[in-house]
């Protein structure tokens, strides 16, 4: 059964501007070490940061909570399967909330925009 669907669409330039203005302060607040390592190795890293930011936003929307007091940006990490398929790993508050759930994530980006879609499917009990 579908528990939630979340979508987020963001301008890459907005993320680039924030990185330019706040640098590591912003990156360390929002992204895990693994996400930073992945994105920093990519050409046009802002596109990859924007996609991950959108994924975190879409995840919070799929939960139906939005960004809230229990939501820590770093409790949600975007990773990749060996096949290249994106995935979400979560810790903290979400570990208990989603123990019977499967998370599906898709990402896309261009030079100007990034989009993420998250579907949370609850296992039959």
Protein backbone atom coordinates (compact mmCIF):
# COMPACT_ATOMS: atom_id res chain seq x y z
CA UNK A 1 0.00 0.00 0.00
CA UNK A 2 1.27 3.47 -0.86
CA UNK A 3 1.93 5.42 2.33
CA UNK A 4 3.02 8.64 0.66
CA UNK A 5 4.29 10.36 -2.48
CA UNK A 6 6.52 13.41 -2.47
CA UNK A 7 7.85 15.57 -5.30
CA UNK A 8 10.27 18.47 -5.20
CA UNK A 9 11.56 20.69 -8.00
CA UNK A 10 14.36 23.16 -7.37
CA UNK A 11 16.48 25.63 -9.30
CA UNK A 12 20.12 24.57 -9.39
CA UNK A 13 21.13 28.24 -9.32
CA UNK A 14 19.50 28.64 -5.91
CA UNK A 15 21.67 25.87 -4.48
CA UNK A 16 24.77 27.24 -6.23
CA UNK A 17 24.11 30.70 -4.79
CA UNK A 18 23.70 29.26 -1.29
CA UNK A 19 26.93 27.29 -1.64
CA UNK A 20 28.71 30.43 -2.85
CA UNK A 21 27.36 32.49 0.06
CA UNK A 22 27.64 29.97 2.91
CA UNK A 23 30.05 27.28 1.68
CA UNK A 24 30.83 24.51 4.14
CA UNK A 25 28.41 25.90 6.73
CA UNK A 26 25.51 25.12 4.36
CA UNK A 27 26.96 21.86 3.04
CA UNK A 28 27.70 20.50 6.53
CA UNK A 29 24.22 21.40 7.77
CA UNK A 30 22.31 19.73 4.93
CA UNK A 31 24.46 16.96 3.43
CA UNK A 32 26.19 13.93 4.93
CA UNK A 33 29.90 13.36 4.40
CA UNK A 34 29.08 10.70 1.82
CA UNK A 35 26.82 13.05 -0.14
CA UNK A 36 29.44 15.79 -0.07
CA UNK A 37 32.14 13.41 -1.26
CA UNK A 38 29.96 12.17 -4.13
CA UNK A 39 28.84 15.62 -5.26
CA UNK A 40 32.21 17.31 -4.92
CA UNK A 41 33.77 14.78 -7.30
CA UNK A 42 31.25 15.54 -10.04
CA UNK A 43 31.56 18.25 -12.68
CA UNK A 44 28.73 20.75 -12.10
CA UNK A 45 28.45 19.62 -8.48
CA UNK A 46 25.61 22.07 -7.77
CA UNK A 47 23.32 19.96 -9.98
CA UNK A 48 24.03 16.91 -7.82
CA UNK A 49 23.63 18.84 -4.56
CA UNK A 50 20.33 20.24 -5.86
CA UNK A 51 19.05 16.75 -6.73
CA UNK A 52 19.90 15.51 -3.23
CA UNK A 53 18.32 18.55 -1.61
CA UNK A 54 15.17 17.92 -3.68
CA UNK A 55 15.21 14.25 -2.61
CA UNK A 56 15.27 15.21 1.07
CA UNK A 57 12.39 17.65 0.53
CA UNK A 58 10.40 15.07 -1.46
CA UNK A 59 11.02 12.47 1.27
CA UNK A 60 9.64 14.81 3.93
CA UNK A 61 6.58 15.48 1.75
CA UNK A 62 6.01 11.76 1.19
CA UNK A 63 6.01 11.33 4.96
CA UNK A 64 3.39 14.05 5.19
CA UNK A 65 5.46 16.01 7.68
CA UNK A 66 7.41 18.47 5.58
CA UNK A 67 10.57 19.78 7.18
CA UNK A 68 9.80 19.77 10.90
CA UNK A 69 11.42 19.70 14.30
CA UNK A 70 11.96 15.93 14.20
CA UNK A 71 13.50 16.12 10.74
CA UNK A 72 17.25 16.48 10.60
CA UNK A 73 18.56 16.99 7.08
CA UNK A 74 21.40 14.57 7.75
CA UNK A 75 19.03 11.83 8.96
CA UNK A 76 18.21 11.36 5.28
CA UNK A 77 21.05 10.39 2.95
CA UNK A 78 20.87 9.90 -0.80
CA UNK A 79 23.10 7.04 -1.91
CA UNK A 80 23.45 4.91 -5.02
CA UNK A 81 23.08 1.18 -5.56
CA UNK A 82 25.95 -0.43 -7.49
CA UNK A 83 23.63 -0.31 -10.53
CA UNK A 84 23.55 3.49 -10.25
CA UNK A 85 19.95 3.62 -9.04
CA UNK A 86 19.47 6.29 -6.35
CA UNK A 87 18.34 5.26 -2.89
CA UNK A 88 17.47 6.87 0.42
CA UNK A 89 19.00 5.74 3.68
CA UNK A 90 17.44 7.14 6.83
CA UNK A 91 18.26 7.18 10.52
CA UNK A 92 17.02 8.86 13.67
CA UNK A 93 13.30 9.53 13.96
CA UNK A 94 12.58 7.83 10.63
CA UNK A 95 14.05 4.43 11.54
CA UNK A 96 11.03 3.60 13.72
CA UNK A 97 8.46 5.34 11.53
CA UNK A 98 9.47 3.43 8.42
CA UNK A 99 10.56 0.02 9.65
CA UNK A 100 7.83 -1.69 7.58
CA UNK A 101 8.30 0.46 4.49
CA UNK A 102 10.16 0.47 1.21
CA UNK A 103 11.36 3.77 -0.26
CA UNK A 104 11.52 4.43 -4.00
CA UNK A 105 13.45 7.43 -5.31
CA UNK A 106 14.06 8.87 -8.74
CA UNK A 107 16.18 11.92 -9.52
CA UNK A 108 16.78 13.99 -12.61
CA UNK A 109 18.55 17.26 -13.26
CA UNK A 110 19.57 19.67 -15.97
CA UNK A 111 21.87 22.66 -15.79
CA UNK A 112 18.95 24.73 -14.46
CA UNK A 113 16.68 22.41 -12.45
CA UNK A 114 16.61 19.28 -10.31
CA UNK A 115 13.61 17.07 -9.60
CA UNK A 116 13.08 14.26 -7.11
CA UNK A 117 10.14 11.91 -6.63
CA UNK A 118 9.81 9.70 -3.55
CA UNK A 119 7.24 6.95 -3.03
CA UNK A 120 6.91 5.27 0.35
CA UNK A 121 5.28 1.87 0.20
CA UNK A 122 4.16 0.24 3.42
CA UNK A 123 4.57 -3.52 3.62
CA UNK A 124 1.46 -5.60 4.21
CA UNK A 125 1.21 -6.49 7.89
